[in-house]
Structures are given as C-alpha cells and as structure tokens.
Amino acid sequence: SPYRAEEEQKRKEGEAIDQQYKATLDRTNRGPAEKVVNDPWSNM
C-alpha cells in the first residue's frame, strides 16, 4: 500500500526529529539554574 510506505516514512522522520531534539536538550542542559532573589526594597 502506498499509504503504508508514507506512514513508515513519516514515522522515521518523527523519530529522527525526536532524536535531534533530545540531543539538543542534552547539549544545552547545564544543570539547575541559580535561584535569583529579587528584593526591590533591599536598599530601603
């Protein structure tokens, strides 16, 4: 069926996109962000 081949190709493309996304997340993950304390009245 031509539809089966098309579905298979879409599935493979989706898996490739997922792998790229996960790889990007792994490269950009730098650990937990530092907690920033915002106190506008600290100088008062």
Full PDB file with SEQRES, HELIX, SHEET, SSBOND, CRYST1, ORIGX, SCALE, CONECT and MASTER records, all heavy atoms in Angstrom:
SEQRES   1 A   44  SER PRO TYR ARG ALA GLU GLU GLU GLN LYS ARG LYS GLU          
SEQRES   2 A   44  GLY GLU ALA ILE ASP GLN GLN TYR LYS ALA THR LEU ASP          
SEQRES   3 A   44  ARG THR ASN ARG GLY PRO ALA GLU LYS VAL VAL ASN ASP          
SEQRES   4 A   44  PRO TRP SER ASN MET                                          
HELIX    1 AA1 PRO A    2  THR A   28  1                                  27    
CRYST1    1.000    1.000    1.000  90.00  90.00  90.00 P 1           1          
ORIGX1      1.000000  0.000000  0.000000        0.00000                         
ORIGX2      0.000000  1.000000  0.000000        0.00000                         
ORIGX3      0.000000  0.000000  1.000000        0.00000                         
SCALE1      1.000000  0.000000  0.000000        0.00000                         
SCALE2      0.000000  1.000000  0.000000        0.00000                         
SCALE3      0.000000  0.000000  1.000000        0.00000                         
ATOM      1  N   SER A   1       0.831  -1.190   0.000  1.00  0.00           N  
ATOM      2  CA  SER A   1       0.000   0.000   0.000  1.00  0.00           C  
ATOM      3  C   SER A   1       0.873   1.250   0.000  1.00  0.00           C  
ATOM      4  O   SER A   1       1.823   1.357   0.765  1.00  0.00           O  
ATOM      5  CB  SER A   1      -0.905   0.002   1.232  1.00  0.00           C  
ATOM      6  OG  SER A   1      -1.601   1.213   1.320  1.00  0.00           O  
ATOM      7  N   PRO A   2       0.589   2.230  -0.852  1.00  0.00           N  
ATOM      8  CA  PRO A   2       1.378   3.466  -0.847  1.00  0.00           C  
ATOM      9  C   PRO A   2       1.198   4.246   0.459  1.00  0.00           C  
ATOM     10  O   PRO A   2       2.086   4.970   0.880  1.00  0.00           O  
ATOM     11  CB  PRO A   2       0.853   4.257  -2.031  1.00  0.00           C  
ATOM     12  CG  PRO A   2      -0.461   3.666  -2.360  1.00  0.00           C  
ATOM     13  CD  PRO A   2      -0.422   2.238  -1.891  1.00  0.00           C  
ATOM     14  N   TYR A   3       0.059   4.077   1.096  1.00  0.00           N  
ATOM     15  CA  TYR A   3      -0.171   4.757   2.360  1.00  0.00           C  
ATOM     16  C   TYR A   3       0.730   4.196   3.451  1.00  0.00           C  
ATOM     17  O   TYR A   3       1.195   4.914   4.315  1.00  0.00           O  
ATOM     18  CB  TYR A   3      -1.638   4.635   2.785  1.00  0.00           C  
ATOM     19  CG  TYR A   3      -2.581   5.297   1.815  1.00  0.00           C  
ATOM     20  CD1 TYR A   3      -3.488   4.555   1.080  1.00  0.00           C  
ATOM     21  CD2 TYR A   3      -2.548   6.673   1.633  1.00  0.00           C  
ATOM     22  CE1 TYR A   3      -4.339   5.166   0.192  1.00  0.00           C  
ATOM     23  CE2 TYR A   3      -3.394   7.289   0.750  1.00  0.00           C  
ATOM     24  CZ  TYR A   3      -4.299   6.535   0.029  1.00  0.00           C  
ATOM     25  OH  TYR A   3      -5.138   7.135  -0.856  1.00  0.00           O  
ATOM     26  N   ARG A   4       0.974   2.899   3.414  1.00  0.00           N  
ATOM     27  CA  ARG A   4       1.830   2.278   4.418  1.00  0.00           C  
ATOM     28  C   ARG A   4       3.252   2.805   4.286  1.00  0.00           C  
ATOM     29  O   ARG A   4       3.907   3.101   5.289  1.00  0.00           O  
ATOM     30  CB  ARG A   4       1.815   0.761   4.270  1.00  0.00           C  
ATOM     31  CG  ARG A   4       2.654   0.073   5.335  1.00  0.00           C  
ATOM     32  CD  ARG A   4       2.453  -1.409   5.375  1.00  0.00           C  
ATOM     33  NE  ARG A   4       1.084  -1.793   5.648  1.00  0.00           N  
ATOM     34  CZ  ARG A   4       0.564  -1.914   6.874  1.00  0.00           C  
ATOM     35  NH1 ARG A   4       1.311  -1.657   7.902  1.00  0.00           N  
ATOM     36  NH2 ARG A   4      -0.671  -2.286   7.045  1.00  0.00           N  
ATOM     37  N   ALA A   5       3.750   2.948   3.063  1.00  0.00           N  
ATOM     38  CA  ALA A   5       5.098   3.469   2.862  1.00  0.00           C  
ATOM     39  C   ALA A   5       5.185   4.921   3.340  1.00  0.00           C  
ATOM     40  O   ALA A   5       6.180   5.324   3.956  1.00  0.00           O  
ATOM     41  CB  ALA A   5       5.479   3.372   1.385  1.00  0.00           C  
ATOM     42  N   GLU A   6       4.133   5.680   3.082  1.00  0.00           N  
ATOM     43  CA  GLU A   6       4.110   7.075   3.507  1.00  0.00           C  
ATOM     44  C   GLU A   6       4.081   7.174   5.039  1.00  0.00           C  
ATOM     45  O   GLU A   6       4.793   7.999   5.628  1.00  0.00           O  
ATOM     46  CB  GLU A   6       2.879   7.763   2.923  1.00  0.00           C  
ATOM     47  CG  GLU A   6       2.787   9.242   3.212  1.00  0.00           C  
ATOM     48  CD  GLU A   6       1.573   9.866   2.563  1.00  0.00           C  
ATOM     49  OE1 GLU A   6       1.178   9.427   1.464  1.00  0.00           O  
ATOM     50  OE2 GLU A   6       1.020  10.798   3.172  1.00  0.00           O  
ATOM     51  N   GLU A   7       3.292   6.334   5.675  1.00  0.00           N  
ATOM     52  CA  GLU A   7       3.225   6.330   7.131  1.00  0.00           C  
ATOM     53  C   GLU A   7       4.564   5.911   7.736  1.00  0.00           C  
ATOM     54  O   GLU A   7       4.995   6.471   8.744  1.00  0.00           O  
ATOM     55  CB  GLU A   7       2.117   5.390   7.610  1.00  0.00           C  
ATOM     56  CG  GLU A   7       0.726   5.899   7.350  1.00  0.00           C  
ATOM     57  CD  GLU A   7      -0.342   4.891   7.751  1.00  0.00           C  
ATOM     58  OE1 GLU A   7       0.010   3.807   8.260  1.00  0.00           O  
ATOM     59  OE2 GLU A   7      -1.519   5.194   7.546  1.00  0.00           O  
ATOM     60  N   GLU A   8       5.205   4.939   7.128  1.00  0.00           N  
ATOM     61  CA  GLU A   8       6.510   4.481   7.614  1.00  0.00           C  
ATOM     62  C   GLU A   8       7.544   5.599   7.517  1.00  0.00           C  
ATOM     63  O   GLU A   8       8.344   5.806   8.433  1.00  0.00           O  
ATOM     64  CB  GLU A   8       6.966   3.258   6.802  1.00  0.00           C  
ATOM     65  CG  GLU A   8       8.275   2.668   7.250  1.00  0.00           C  
ATOM     66  CD  GLU A   8       8.171   1.996   8.608  1.00  0.00           C  
ATOM     67  OE1 GLU A   8       7.072   1.603   9.012  1.00  0.00           O  
ATOM     68  OE2 GLU A   8       9.229   1.885   9.273  1.00  0.00           O  
ATOM     69  N   GLN A   9       7.526   6.345   6.415  1.00  0.00           N  
ATOM     70  CA  GLN A   9       8.472   7.440   6.244  1.00  0.00           C  
ATOM     71  C   GLN A   9       8.195   8.555   7.261  1.00  0.00           C  
ATOM     72  O   GLN A   9       9.126   9.113   7.840  1.00  0.00           O  
ATOM     73  CB  GLN A   9       8.391   8.003   4.829  1.00  0.00           C  
ATOM     74  CG  GLN A   9       9.407   9.094   4.566  1.00  0.00           C  
ATOM     75  CD  GLN A   9       9.449   9.503   3.120  1.00  0.00           C  
ATOM     76  OE1 GLN A   9       8.824   8.877   2.281  1.00  0.00           O  
ATOM     77  NE2 GLN A   9      10.172  10.548   2.821  1.00  0.00           N  
ATOM     78  N   LYS A  10       6.928   8.860   7.498  1.00  0.00           N  
ATOM     79  CA  LYS A  10       6.590   9.882   8.490  1.00  0.00           C  
ATOM     80  C   LYS A  10       7.035   9.447   9.887  1.00  0.00           C  
ATOM     81  O   LYS A  10       7.508  10.266  10.676  1.00  0.00           O  
ATOM     82  CB  LYS A  10       5.084  10.148   8.495  1.00  0.00           C  
ATOM     83  CG  LYS A  10       4.616  10.977   7.326  1.00  0.00           C  
ATOM     84  CD  LYS A  10       3.129  11.249   7.427  1.00  0.00           C  
ATOM     85  CE  LYS A  10       2.638  12.033   6.248  1.00  0.00           C  
ATOM     86  NZ  LYS A  10       1.187  12.303   6.325  1.00  0.00           N  
ATOM     87  N   ARG A  11       6.876   8.159  10.192  1.00  0.00           N  
ATOM     88  CA  ARG A  11       7.295   7.650  11.492  1.00  0.00           C  
ATOM     89  C   ARG A  11       8.805   7.783  11.654  1.00  0.00           C  
ATOM     90  O   ARG A  11       9.305   8.219  12.700  1.00  0.00           O  
ATOM     91  CB  ARG A  11       6.876   6.193  11.653  1.00  0.00           C  
ATOM     92  CG  ARG A  11       7.176   5.636  13.042  1.00  0.00           C  
ATOM     93  CD  ARG A  11       6.868   4.158  13.129  1.00  0.00           C  
ATOM     94  NE  ARG A  11       7.635   3.345  12.208  1.00  0.00           N  
ATOM     95  CZ  ARG A  11       8.918   2.977  12.396  1.00  0.00           C  
ATOM     96  NH1 ARG A  11       9.543   3.352  13.489  1.00  0.00           N  
ATOM     97  NH2 ARG A  11       9.546   2.242  11.520  1.00  0.00           N  
ATOM     98  N   LYS A  12       9.564   7.442  10.601  1.00  0.00           N  
ATOM     99  CA  LYS A  12      11.023   7.551  10.658  1.00  0.00           C  
ATOM    100  C   LYS A  12      11.460   9.007  10.805  1.00  0.00           C  
ATOM    101  O   LYS A  12      12.390   9.316  11.556  1.00  0.00           O  
ATOM    102  CB  LYS A  12      11.655   6.945   9.411  1.00  0.00           C  
ATOM    103  CG  LYS A  12      11.608   5.429   9.399  1.00  0.00           C  
ATOM    104  CD  LYS A  12      12.259   4.874   8.157  1.00  0.00           C  
ATOM    105  CE  LYS A  12      12.190   3.355   8.130  1.00  0.00           C  
ATOM    106  NZ  LYS A  12      12.804   2.807   6.910  1.00  0.00           N  
ATOM    107  N   GLU A  13      10.800   9.917  10.087  1.00  0.00           N  
ATOM    108  CA  GLU A  13      11.129  11.332  10.206  1.00  0.00           C  
ATOM    109  C   GLU A  13      10.834  11.836  11.622  1.00  0.00           C  
ATOM    110  O   GLU A  13      11.595  12.617  12.179  1.00  0.00           O  
ATOM    111  CB  GLU A  13      10.346  12.149   9.185  1.00  0.00           C  
ATOM    112  CG  GLU A  13      10.813  11.958   7.757  1.00  0.00           C  
ATOM    113  CD  GLU A  13       9.930  12.665   6.739  1.00  0.00           C  
ATOM    114  OE1 GLU A  13       8.923  13.290   7.140  1.00  0.00           O  
ATOM    115  OE2 GLU A  13      10.239  12.589   5.545  1.00  0.00           O  
ATOM    116  N   GLY A  14       9.729  11.389  12.179  1.00  0.00           N  
ATOM    117  CA  GLY A  14       9.378  11.780  13.538  1.00  0.00           C  
ATOM    118  C   GLY A  14      10.394  11.286  14.549  1.00  0.00           C  
ATOM    119  O   GLY A  14      10.765  12.008  15.480  1.00  0.00           O  
ATOM    120  N   GLU A  15      10.859  10.055  14.374  1.00  0.00           N  
ATOM    121  CA  GLU A  15      11.881   9.521  15.276  1.00  0.00           C  
ATOM    122  C   GLU A  15      13.191  10.294  15.142  1.00  0.00           C  
ATOM    123  O   GLU A  15      13.869  10.560  16.138  1.00  0.00           O  
ATOM    124  CB  GLU A  15      12.108   8.043  14.998  1.00  0.00           C  
ATOM    125  CG  GLU A  15      10.971   7.149  15.451  1.00  0.00           C  
ATOM    126  CD  GLU A  15      11.182   5.699  15.073  1.00  0.00           C  
ATOM    127  OE1 GLU A  15      12.198   5.376  14.410  1.00  0.00           O  
ATOM    128  OE2 GLU A  15      10.327   4.882  15.446  1.00  0.00           O  
ATOM    129  N   ALA A  16      13.559  10.675  13.908  1.00  0.00           N  
ATOM    130  CA  ALA A  16      14.783  11.443  13.699  1.00  0.00           C  
ATOM    131  C   ALA A  16      14.673  12.813  14.360  1.00  0.00           C  
ATOM    132  O   ALA A  16      15.635  13.292  14.987  1.00  0.00           O  
ATOM    133  CB  ALA A  16      15.060  11.592  12.199  1.00  0.00           C  
ATOM    134  N   ILE A  17      13.521  13.437  14.254  1.00  0.00           N  
ATOM    135  CA  ILE A  17      13.316  14.744  14.881  1.00  0.00           C  
ATOM    136  C   ILE A  17      13.395  14.613  16.401  1.00  0.00           C  
ATOM    137  O   ILE A  17      13.998  15.447  17.073  1.00  0.00           O  
ATOM    138  CB  ILE A  17      11.970  15.349  14.438  1.00  0.00           C  
ATOM    139  CG1 ILE A  17      12.050  15.751  12.961  1.00  0.00           C  
ATOM    140  CG2 ILE A  17      11.579  16.539  15.301  1.00  0.00           C  
ATOM    141  CD1 ILE A  17      10.731  16.159  12.363  1.00  0.00           C  
ATOM    142  N   ASP A  18      12.808  13.552  16.943  1.00  0.00           N  
ATOM    143  CA  ASP A  18      12.874  13.325  18.385  1.00  0.00           C  
ATOM    144  C   ASP A  18      14.313  13.134  18.855  1.00  0.00           C  
ATOM    145  O   ASP A  18      14.713  13.656  19.899  1.00  0.00           O  
ATOM    146  CB  ASP A  18      12.035  12.109  18.789  1.00  0.00           C  
ATOM    147  CG  ASP A  18      10.551  12.389  18.750  1.00  0.00           C  
ATOM    148  OD1 ASP A  18      10.163  13.575  18.746  1.00  0.00           O  
ATOM    149  OD2 ASP A  18       9.781  11.404  18.715  1.00  0.00           O  
ATOM    150  N   GLN A  19      15.102  12.381  18.095  1.00  0.00           N  
ATOM    151  CA  GLN A  19      16.496  12.161  18.466  1.00  0.00           C  
ATOM    152  C   GLN A  19      17.280  13.473  18.426  1.00  0.00           C  
ATOM    153  O   GLN A  19      18.101  13.740  19.308  1.00  0.00           O  
ATOM    154  CB  GLN A  19      17.136  11.138  17.538  1.00  0.00           C  
ATOM    155  CG  GLN A  19      16.645   9.726  17.773  1.00  0.00           C  
ATOM    156  CD  GLN A  19      17.216   8.746  16.770  1.00  0.00           C  
ATOM    157  OE1 GLN A  19      17.880   9.123  15.809  1.00  0.00           O  
ATOM    158  NE2 GLN A  19      16.932   7.458  16.978  1.00  0.00           N  
ATOM    159  N   GLN A  20      17.036  14.286  17.406  1.00  0.00           N  
ATOM    160  CA  GLN A  20      17.716  15.580  17.322  1.00  0.00           C  
ATOM    161  C   GLN A  20      17.320  16.477  18.489  1.00  0.00           C  
ATOM    162  O   GLN A  20      18.156  17.173  19.067  1.00  0.00           O  
ATOM    163  CB  GLN A  20      17.385  16.272  16.007  1.00  0.00           C  
ATOM    164  CG  GLN A  20      17.974  15.609  14.796  1.00  0.00           C  
ATOM    165  CD  GLN A  20      17.473  16.235  13.499  1.00  0.00           C  
ATOM    166  OE1 GLN A  20      16.616  17.108  13.512  1.00  0.00           O  
ATOM    167  NE2 GLN A  20      18.004  15.769  12.379  1.00  0.00           N  
ATOM    168  N   TYR A  21      16.047  16.462  18.839  1.00  0.00           N  
ATOM    169  CA  TYR A  21      15.557  17.275  19.951  1.00  0.00           C  
ATOM    170  C   TYR A  21      16.207  16.850  21.263  1.00  0.00           C  
ATOM    171  O   TYR A  21      16.674  17.684  22.039  1.00  0.00           O  
ATOM    172  CB  TYR A  21      14.036  17.152  20.034  1.00  0.00           C  
ATOM    173  CG  TYR A  21      13.423  17.863  21.205  1.00  0.00           C  
ATOM    174  CD1 TYR A  21      13.328  19.254  21.221  1.00  0.00           C  
ATOM    175  CD2 TYR A  21      12.926  17.157  22.290  1.00  0.00           C  
ATOM    176  CE1 TYR A  21      12.753  19.915  22.291  1.00  0.00           C  
ATOM    177  CE2 TYR A  21      12.354  17.812  23.365  1.00  0.00           C  
ATOM    178  CZ  TYR A  21      12.267  19.189  23.360  1.00  0.00           C  
ATOM    179  OH  TYR A  21      11.711  19.826  24.423  1.00  0.00           O  
ATOM    180  N   LYS A  22      16.263  15.545  21.502  1.00  0.00           N  
ATOM    181  CA  LYS A  22      16.874  15.044  22.733  1.00  0.00           C  
ATOM    182  C   LYS A  22      18.364  15.367  22.780  1.00  0.00           C  
ATOM    183  O   LYS A  22      18.905  15.706  23.828  1.00  0.00           O  
ATOM    184  CB  LYS A  22      16.643  13.549  22.867  1.00  0.00           C  
ATOM    185  CG  LYS A  22      15.198  13.210  23.193  1.00  0.00           C  
ATOM    186  CD  LYS A  22      14.971  11.724  23.259  1.00  0.00           C  
ATOM    187  CE  LYS A  22      13.508  11.423  23.521  1.00  0.00           C  
ATOM    188  NZ  LYS A  22      13.228   9.988  23.518  1.00  0.00           N  
ATOM    189  N   ALA A  23      19.042  15.256  21.643  1.00  0.00           N  
ATOM    190  CA  ALA A  23      20.465  15.585  21.594  1.00  0.00           C  
ATOM    191  C   ALA A  23      20.689  17.067  21.892  1.00  0.00           C  
ATOM    192  O   ALA A  23      21.624  17.437  22.607  1.00  0.00           O  
ATOM    193  CB  ALA A  23      21.044  15.222  20.230  1.00  0.00           C  
ATOM    194  N   THR A  24      19.827  17.913  21.376  1.00  0.00           N  
ATOM    195  CA  THR A  24      19.933  19.350  21.640  1.00  0.00           C  
ATOM    196  C   THR A  24      19.698  19.644  23.114  1.00  0.00           C  
ATOM    197  O   THR A  24      20.397  20.457  23.713  1.00  0.00           O  
ATOM    198  CB  THR A  24      18.919  20.127  20.771  1.00  0.00           C  
ATOM    199  OG1 THR A  24      19.165  19.834  19.400  1.00  0.00           O  
ATOM    200  CG2 THR A  24      19.041  21.621  20.997  1.00  0.00           C  
ATOM    201  N   LEU A  25      18.722  18.983  23.707  1.00  0.00           N  
ATOM    202  CA  LEU A  25      18.469  19.170  25.129  1.00  0.00           C  
ATOM    203  C   LEU A  25      19.663  18.728  25.964  1.00  0.00           C  
ATOM    204  O   LEU A  25      20.029  19.386  26.942  1.00  0.00           O  
ATOM    205  CB  LEU A  25      17.226  18.398  25.569  1.00  0.00           C  
ATOM    206  CG  LEU A  25      15.880  19.008  25.221  1.00  0.00           C  
ATOM    207  CD1 LEU A  25      14.755  18.103  25.710  1.00  0.00           C  
ATOM    208  CD2 LEU A  25      15.731  20.383  25.811  1.00  0.00           C  
ATOM    209  N   ASP A  26      20.281  17.622  25.595  1.00  0.00           N  
ATOM    210  CA  ASP A  26      21.448  17.134  26.326  1.00  0.00           C  
ATOM    211  C   ASP A  26      22.615  18.110  26.225  1.00  0.00           C  
ATOM    212  O   ASP A  26      23.356  18.314  27.187  1.00  0.00           O  
ATOM    213  CB  ASP A  26      21.872  15.760  25.823  1.00  0.00           C  
ATOM    214  CG  ASP A  26      20.883  14.675  26.220  1.00  0.00           C  
ATOM    215  OD1 ASP A  26      20.100  14.898  27.167  1.00  0.00           O  
ATOM    216  OD2 ASP A  26      20.902  13.608  25.569  1.00  0.00           O  
ATOM    217  N   ARG A  27      22.784  18.725  25.059  1.00  0.00           N  
ATOM    218  CA  ARG A  27      23.887  19.670  24.874  1.00  0.00           C  
ATOM    219  C   ARG A  27      23.642  20.960  25.650  1.00  0.00           C  
ATOM    220  O   ARG A  27      24.577  21.583  26.141  1.00  0.00           O  
ATOM    221  CB  ARG A  27      24.064  20.010  23.396  1.00  0.00           C  
ATOM    222  CG  ARG A  27      24.745  18.927  22.604  1.00  0.00           C  
ATOM    223  CD  ARG A  27      25.186  19.450  21.244  1.00  0.00           C  
ATOM    224  NE  ARG A  27      24.148  20.184  20.535  1.00  0.00           N  
ATOM    225  CZ  ARG A  27      23.360  19.685  19.591  1.00  0.00           C  
ATOM    226  NH1 ARG A  27      23.498  18.432  19.225  1.00  0.00           N  
ATOM    227  NH2 ARG A  27      22.463  20.424  18.992  1.00  0.00           N  
ATOM    228  N   THR A  28      22.397  21.396  25.742  1.00  0.00           N  
ATOM    229  CA  THR A  28      22.104  22.677  26.378  1.00  0.00           C  
ATOM    230  C   THR A  28      21.795  22.555  27.857  1.00  0.00           C  
ATOM    231  O   THR A  28      21.723  23.572  28.545  1.00  0.00           O  
ATOM    232  CB  THR A  28      20.914  23.370  25.696  1.00  0.00           C  
ATOM    233  OG1 THR A  28      19.767  22.523  25.776  1.00  0.00           O  
ATOM    234  CG2 THR A  28      21.231  23.683  24.252  1.00  0.00           C  
ATOM    235  N   ASN A  29      21.635  21.372  28.375  1.00  0.00           N  
ATOM    236  CA  ASN A  29      21.307  21.196  29.780  1.00  0.00           C  
ATOM    237  C   ASN A  29      22.549  21.462  30.619  1.00  0.00           C  
ATOM    238  O   ASN A  29      23.522  20.737  30.566  1.00  0.00           O  
ATOM    239  CB  ASN A  29      20.780  19.789  30.038  1.00  0.00           C  
ATOM    240  CG  ASN A  29      20.189  19.660  31.414  1.00  0.00           C  
ATOM    241  OD1 ASN A  29      20.065  20.641  32.134  1.00  0.00           O  
ATOM    242  ND2 ASN A  29      19.820  18.455  31.776  1.00  0.00           N  
ATOM    243  N   ARG A  30      22.503  22.507  31.413  1.00  0.00           N  
ATOM    244  CA  ARG A  30      23.660  22.901  32.209  1.00  0.00           C  
ATOM    245  C   ARG A  30      23.406  22.713  33.695  1.00  0.00           C  
ATOM    246  O   ARG A  30      24.112  23.269  34.513  1.00  0.00           O  
ATOM    247  CB  ARG A  30      23.996  24.351  31.926  1.00  0.00           C  
ATOM    248  CG  ARG A  30      24.431  24.575  30.513  1.00  0.00           C  
ATOM    249  CD  ARG A  30      24.899  25.998  30.308  1.00  0.00           C  
ATOM    250  NE  ARG A  30      25.273  26.176  28.931  1.00  0.00           N  
ATOM    251  CZ  ARG A  30      24.699  27.023  28.108  1.00  0.00           C  
ATOM    252  NH1 ARG A  30      23.736  27.800  28.525  1.00  0.00           N  
ATOM    253  NH2 ARG A  30      25.094  27.114  26.859  1.00  0.00           N  
ATOM    254  N   GLY A  31      22.400  21.983  34.040  1.00  0.00           N  
ATOM    255  CA  GLY A  31      22.092  21.768  35.449  1.00  0.00           C  
ATOM    256  C   GLY A  31      21.037  22.740  35.927  1.00  0.00           C  
ATOM    257  O   GLY A  31      20.486  23.522  35.166  1.00  0.00           O  
ATOM    258  N   PRO A  32      20.771  22.693  37.213  1.00  0.00           N  
ATOM    259  CA  PRO A  32      19.721  23.573  37.743  1.00  0.00           C  
ATOM    260  C   PRO A  32      20.152  25.037  37.695  1.00  0.00           C  
ATOM    261  O   PRO A  32      21.310  25.374  37.915  1.00  0.00           O  
ATOM    262  CB  PRO A  32      19.543  23.096  39.178  1.00  0.00           C  
ATOM    263  CG  PRO A  32      20.803  22.395  39.515  1.00  0.00           C  
ATOM    264  CD  PRO A  32      21.334  21.833  38.230  1.00  0.00           C  
ATOM    265  N   ALA A  33      19.221  25.892  37.390  1.00  0.00           N  
ATOM    266  CA  ALA A  33      19.511  27.323  37.316  1.00  0.00           C  
ATOM    267  C   ALA A  33      19.653  27.888  38.724  1.00  0.00           C  
ATOM    268  O   ALA A  33      19.043  27.409  39.669  1.00  0.00           O  
ATOM    269  CB  ALA A  33      18.387  28.044  36.580  1.00  0.00           C  
ATOM    270  N   GLU A  34      20.462  28.902  38.839  1.00  0.00           N  
ATOM    271  CA  GLU A  34      20.662  29.536  40.136  1.00  0.00           C  
ATOM    272  C   GLU A  34      19.411  30.315  40.505  1.00  0.00           C  
ATOM    273  O   GLU A  34      18.811  30.981  39.666  1.00  0.00           O  
ATOM    274  CB  GLU A  34      21.855  30.482  40.082  1.00  0.00           C  
ATOM    275  CG  GLU A  34      23.173  29.785  39.857  1.00  0.00           C  
ATOM    276  CD  GLU A  34      24.310  30.782  39.818  1.00  0.00           C  
ATOM    277  OE1 GLU A  34      24.155  31.902  40.335  1.00  0.00           O  
ATOM    278  OE2 GLU A  34      25.344  30.421  39.260  1.00  0.00           O  
ATOM    279  N   LYS A  35      19.055  30.240  41.768  1.00  0.00           N  
ATOM    280  CA  LYS A  35      17.879  30.943  42.231  1.00  0.00           C  
ATOM    281  C   LYS A  35      18.226  32.413  42.413  1.00  0.00           C  
ATOM    282  O   LYS A  35      19.145  32.763  43.150  1.00  0.00           O  
ATOM    283  CB  LYS A  35      17.383  30.346  43.538  1.00  0.00           C  
ATOM    284  CG  LYS A  35      16.085  30.936  43.998  1.00  0.00           C  
ATOM    285  CD  LYS A  35      15.576  30.250  45.240  1.00  0.00           C  
ATOM    286  CE  LYS A  35      14.271  30.854  45.669  1.00  0.00           C  
ATOM    287  NZ  LYS A  35      13.765  30.232  46.893  1.00  0.00           N  
ATOM    288  N   VAL A  36      17.497  33.289  41.757  1.00  0.00           N  
ATOM    289  CA  VAL A  36      17.736  34.721  41.821  1.00  0.00           C  
ATOM    290  C   VAL A  36      16.747  35.314  42.812  1.00  0.00           C  
ATOM    291  O   VAL A  36      15.539  35.130  42.680  1.00  0.00           O  
ATOM    292  CB  VAL A  36      17.561  35.371  40.435  1.00  0.00           C  
ATOM    293  CG1 VAL A  36      17.749  36.873  40.519  1.00  0.00           C  
ATOM    294  CG2 VAL A  36      18.520  34.750  39.451  1.00  0.00           C  
ATOM    295  N   VAL A  37      17.260  36.004  43.784  1.00  0.00           N  
ATOM    296  CA  VAL A  37      16.415  36.640  44.783  1.00  0.00           C  
ATOM    297  C   VAL A  37      16.169  38.070  44.340  1.00  0.00           C  
ATOM    298  O   VAL A  37      17.107  38.847  44.144  1.00  0.00           O  
ATOM    299  CB  VAL A  37      17.090  36.604  46.173  1.00  0.00           C  
ATOM    300  CG1 VAL A  37      16.224  37.308  47.197  1.00  0.00           C  
ATOM    301  CG2 VAL A  37      17.368  35.179  46.582  1.00  0.00           C  
ATOM    302  N   ASN A  38      14.924  38.415  44.200  1.00  0.00           N  
ATOM    303  CA  ASN A  38      14.553  39.739  43.755  1.00  0.00           C  
ATOM    304  C   ASN A  38      13.901  40.463  44.933  1.00  0.00           C  
ATOM    305  O   ASN A  38      12.781  40.168  45.321  1.00  0.00           O  
ATOM    306  CB  ASN A  38      13.591  39.658  42.573  1.00  0.00           C  
ATOM    307  CG  ASN A  38      13.318  41.026  41.987  1.00  0.00           C  
ATOM    308  OD1 ASN A  38      13.938  41.992  42.351  1.00  0.00           O  
ATOM    309  ND2 ASN A  38      12.372  41.077  41.076  1.00  0.00           N  
ATOM    310  N   ASP A  39      14.611  41.409  45.504  1.00  0.00           N  
ATOM    311  CA  ASP A  39      14.101  42.172  46.639  1.00  0.00           C  
ATOM    312  C   ASP A  39      14.193  43.661  46.297  1.00  0.00           C  
ATOM    313  O   ASP A  39      15.238  44.289  46.483  1.00  0.00           O  
ATOM    314  CB  ASP A  39      14.905  41.851  47.897  1.00  0.00           C  
ATOM    315  CG  ASP A  39      14.288  42.462  49.141  1.00  0.00           C  
ATOM    316  OD1 ASP A  39      13.161  43.013  49.043  1.00  0.00           O  
ATOM    317  OD2 ASP A  39      14.917  42.389  50.197  1.00  0.00           O  
ATOM    318  N   PRO A  40      13.125  44.253  45.793  1.00  0.00           N  
ATOM    319  CA  PRO A  40      13.188  45.661  45.381  1.00  0.00           C  
ATOM    320  C   PRO A  40      13.331  46.620  46.563  1.00  0.00           C  
ATOM    321  O   PRO A  40      13.740  47.762  46.390  1.00  0.00           O  
ATOM    322  CB  PRO A  40      11.878  45.881  44.651  1.00  0.00           C  
ATOM    323  CG  PRO A  40      10.959  44.844  45.160  1.00  0.00           C  
ATOM    324  CD  PRO A  40      11.824  43.672  45.519  1.00  0.00           C  
ATOM    325  N   TRP A  41      13.023  46.202  47.782  1.00  0.00           N  
ATOM    326  CA  TRP A  41      13.097  47.076  48.946  1.00  0.00           C  
ATOM    327  C   TRP A  41      14.401  46.886  49.727  1.00  0.00           C  
ATOM    328  O   TRP A  41      14.547  47.415  50.834  1.00  0.00           O  
ATOM    329  CB  TRP A  41      11.913  46.803  49.871  1.00  0.00           C  
ATOM    330  CG  TRP A  41      10.625  47.211  49.251  1.00  0.00           C  
ATOM    331  CD1 TRP A  41       9.774  46.419  48.564  1.00  0.00           C  
ATOM    332  CD2 TRP A  41      10.076  48.515  49.221  1.00  0.00           C  
ATOM    333  NE1 TRP A  41       8.706  47.129  48.114  1.00  0.00           N  
ATOM    334  CE2 TRP A  41       8.864  48.441  48.504  1.00  0.00           C  
ATOM    335  CE3 TRP A  41      10.472  49.744  49.725  1.00  0.00           C  
ATOM    336  CZ2 TRP A  41       8.072  49.556  48.285  1.00  0.00           C  
ATOM    337  CZ3 TRP A  41       9.669  50.850  49.507  1.00  0.00           C  
ATOM    338  CH2 TRP A  41       8.488  50.752  48.796  1.00  0.00           C  
ATOM    339  N   SER A  42      15.355  46.195  49.189  1.00  0.00           N  
ATOM    340  CA  SER A  42      16.578  45.902  49.940  1.00  0.00           C  
ATOM    341  C   SER A  42      17.367  47.159  50.290  1.00  0.00           C  
ATOM    342  O   SER A  42      17.961  47.245  51.356  1.00  0.00           O  
ATOM    343  CB  SER A  42      17.456  44.936  49.168  1.00  0.00           C  
ATOM    344  OG  SER A  42      17.870  45.533  47.955  1.00  0.00           O  
ATOM    345  N   ASN A  43      17.366  48.170  49.446  1.00  0.00           N  
ATOM    346  CA  ASN A  43      18.128  49.382  49.741  1.00  0.00           C  
ATOM    347  C   ASN A  43      17.349  50.340  50.649  1.00  0.00           C  
ATOM    348  O   ASN A  43      17.885  51.330  51.109  1.00  0.00           O  
ATOM    349  CB  ASN A  43      18.555  50.091  48.463  1.00  0.00           C  
ATOM    350  CG  ASN A  43      17.372  50.488  47.620  1.00  0.00           C  
ATOM    351  OD1 ASN A  43      16.244  50.121  47.898  1.00  0.00           O  
ATOM    352  ND2 ASN A  43      17.640  51.236  46.555  1.00  0.00           N  
ATOM    353  N   MET A  44      16.092  50.082  50.950  1.00  0.00           N  
ATOM    354  CA  MET A  44      15.289  50.932  51.817  1.00  0.00           C  
ATOM    355  C   MET A  44      15.361  50.499  53.282  1.00  0.00           C  
ATOM    356  O   MET A  44      15.040  51.266  54.162  1.00  0.00           O  
ATOM    357  CB  MET A  44      13.823  50.909  51.391  1.00  0.00           C  
ATOM    358  CG  MET A  44      13.618  51.478  50.029  1.00  0.00           C  
ATOM    359  SD  MET A  44      14.119  53.181  50.073  1.00  0.00           S  
ATOM    360  CE  MET A  44      13.261  53.818  48.703  1.00  0.00           C  
TER     361      MET A  44                                                      
MASTER        0    0    0    1    0    0    0    6  360    1    0    4          
END                                                                             
